[in-house]
């Protein structure tokens, strides 16, 4: 009987873990999608597409900066979403690290930054709080 109870508890824990993992993976995918859409929009000189990936309350503040980035070629190599431990609170993601190649085809302008960008959720959708590669101080001075 103890073995049946133990198996039941283990099964419940596994089910819980799979469910939590599914939610985390879905969130990570949504945030990664926003990063990739931003990169494509910059590369295609699509100002509105790039601005749409920034949190609505911060779009006006970053619009001119984003416009200056248009035409650069961003190739996203990797995206890592940072969240606190589930034991430390609600576990909501707060930042994304992006590995990106910029202007690979142009040796004089090529660089490989790894920016960390704050993220925020608005009405159930994840947005970048600022453009990747933007100086965080610039955003706080404008607010």
Protein backbone atom coordinates (compact mmCIF):
# COMPACT_ATOMS: atom_id res chain seq x y z
CA UNK A 1 0.00 0.00 0.00
CA UNK A 2 2.85 2.40 0.83
CA UNK A 3 4.32 1.77 -2.60
CA UNK A 4 1.04 2.72 -4.30
CA UNK A 5 0.84 5.96 -2.30
CA UNK A 6 4.49 6.75 -3.05
CA UNK A 7 3.91 6.12 -6.77
CA UNK A 8 0.85 8.35 -6.67
CA UNK A 9 2.79 11.18 -5.03
CA UNK A 10 5.64 10.81 -7.54
CA UNK A 11 3.19 10.83 -10.43
CA UNK A 12 1.53 13.99 -9.08
CA UNK A 13 4.92 15.70 -8.70
CA UNK A 14 5.92 14.72 -12.24
CA UNK A 15 2.64 16.04 -13.61
CA UNK A 16 3.13 19.30 -11.75
CA UNK A 17 6.73 19.62 -13.02
CA UNK A 18 5.69 18.97 -16.63
CA UNK A 19 2.93 21.58 -16.34
CA UNK A 20 5.27 24.20 -14.90
CA UNK A 21 7.87 23.43 -17.56
CA UNK A 22 5.23 23.83 -20.27
CA UNK A 23 4.27 27.28 -18.97
CA UNK A 24 7.89 28.39 -18.70
CA UNK A 25 8.72 27.08 -22.18
CA UNK A 26 5.71 28.88 -23.66
CA UNK A 27 6.73 32.16 -22.03
CA UNK A 28 10.35 31.77 -23.19
CA UNK A 29 9.15 31.10 -26.72
CA UNK A 30 6.93 34.20 -26.71
CA UNK A 31 9.76 36.41 -25.48
CA UNK A 32 12.22 34.89 -27.96
CA UNK A 33 9.70 35.53 -30.73
CA UNK A 34 9.52 39.19 -29.80
CA UNK A 35 13.33 39.46 -29.88
CA UNK A 36 13.48 37.79 -33.29
CA UNK A 37 10.66 39.94 -34.72
CA UNK A 38 12.52 43.04 -33.54
CA UNK A 39 15.73 41.87 -35.24
CA UNK A 40 13.95 41.12 -38.52
CA UNK A 41 12.19 44.49 -38.45
CA UNK A 42 15.48 46.34 -37.91
CA UNK A 43 17.14 44.38 -40.71
CA UNK A 44 14.24 45.12 -43.07
CA UNK A 45 14.11 48.83 -42.07
CA UNK A 46 10.57 48.32 -40.72
CA UNK A 47 10.24 51.02 -38.07
CA UNK A 48 6.67 50.15 -37.07
CA UNK A 49 7.49 46.45 -36.80
CA UNK A 50 10.46 47.14 -34.53
CA UNK A 51 8.61 49.66 -32.38
CA UNK A 52 5.74 47.16 -31.95
CA UNK A 53 8.08 44.86 -29.99
CA UNK A 54 8.72 47.54 -27.35
CA UNK A 55 6.34 47.94 -24.39
CA UNK A 56 3.55 50.37 -25.36
CA UNK A 57 4.33 52.87 -22.60
CA UNK A 58 7.96 53.14 -23.78
CA UNK A 59 7.54 53.29 -27.55
CA UNK A 60 7.59 57.07 -27.93
CA UNK A 61 10.72 57.32 -25.81
CA UNK A 62 12.64 54.83 -27.99
CA UNK A 63 11.22 55.56 -31.45
CA UNK A 64 14.01 57.91 -32.60
CA UNK A 65 16.72 55.58 -31.29
CA UNK A 66 15.16 52.63 -33.13
CA UNK A 67 14.92 54.69 -36.31
CA UNK A 68 18.68 55.19 -36.15
CA UNK A 69 19.20 51.41 -36.09
CA UNK A 70 17.15 50.69 -39.22
CA UNK A 71 19.11 48.98 -41.96
CA UNK A 72 21.61 47.30 -39.65
CA UNK A 73 21.50 43.54 -40.06
CA UNK A 74 20.72 41.80 -36.79
CA UNK A 75 21.19 38.02 -36.71
CA UNK A 76 19.94 36.56 -33.45
CA UNK A 77 22.17 33.64 -32.44
CA UNK A 78 20.60 32.89 -29.08
CA UNK A 79 18.05 34.06 -26.55
CA UNK A 80 18.09 33.32 -22.81
CA UNK A 81 15.19 34.40 -20.63
CA UNK A 82 16.02 35.13 -16.98
CA UNK A 83 13.51 34.43 -14.24
CA UNK A 84 13.84 34.25 -10.48
CA UNK A 85 13.58 30.88 -8.83
CA UNK A 86 10.03 29.72 -8.22
CA UNK A 87 11.01 29.64 -4.55
CA UNK A 88 11.83 33.38 -4.67
CA UNK A 89 8.44 34.60 -5.75
CA UNK A 90 6.14 34.35 -8.71
CA UNK A 91 8.89 33.24 -11.10
CA UNK A 92 7.93 35.76 -13.79
CA UNK A 93 10.73 36.52 -16.25
CA UNK A 94 12.36 39.92 -15.89
CA UNK A 95 15.15 40.02 -18.45
CA UNK A 96 16.35 38.51 -21.71
CA UNK A 97 19.96 38.07 -22.81
CA UNK A 98 20.48 38.09 -26.55
CA UNK A 99 23.45 36.82 -28.51
CA UNK A 100 23.37 38.76 -31.77
CA UNK A 101 25.63 39.37 -34.74
CA UNK A 102 25.31 42.87 -36.15
CA UNK A 103 26.31 43.58 -39.77
CA UNK A 104 28.21 40.31 -40.31
CA UNK A 105 28.57 41.02 -44.04
CA UNK A 106 30.30 44.36 -43.40
CA UNK A 107 33.65 43.76 -41.64
CA UNK A 108 34.18 47.42 -40.76
CA UNK A 109 30.82 47.56 -38.97
CA UNK A 110 30.53 44.01 -37.63
CA UNK A 111 30.24 43.37 -33.90
CA UNK A 112 28.81 40.70 -31.60
CA UNK A 113 27.13 42.20 -28.55
CA UNK A 114 25.30 40.22 -25.91
CA UNK A 115 22.80 42.73 -24.52
CA UNK A 116 20.64 42.14 -21.48
CA UNK A 117 17.24 43.72 -21.96
CA UNK A 118 14.50 44.15 -19.36
CA UNK A 119 11.12 42.75 -20.35
CA UNK A 120 7.58 43.40 -19.22
CA UNK A 121 4.16 41.91 -19.68
CA UNK A 122 1.30 44.13 -20.83
CA UNK A 123 -2.21 42.69 -21.16
CA UNK A 124 -0.84 39.13 -21.29
CA UNK A 125 1.79 39.81 -23.98
CA UNK A 126 5.53 40.06 -23.44
CA UNK A 127 7.46 43.09 -24.70
CA UNK A 128 11.00 44.39 -24.56
CA UNK A 129 11.21 47.35 -22.18
CA UNK A 130 13.83 48.92 -24.42
CA UNK A 131 15.54 48.13 -27.71
CA UNK A 132 18.42 45.67 -27.60
CA UNK A 133 21.77 47.54 -27.79
CA UNK A 134 20.24 50.74 -26.36
CA UNK A 135 21.87 52.32 -23.34
CA UNK A 136 19.71 51.79 -20.26
CA UNK A 137 20.69 55.23 -18.97
CA UNK A 138 19.24 56.85 -22.09
CA UNK A 139 15.84 55.36 -21.27
CA UNK A 140 15.89 56.45 -17.63
CA UNK A 141 16.90 60.01 -18.57
CA UNK A 142 13.95 60.28 -20.97
CA UNK A 143 11.34 59.02 -18.53
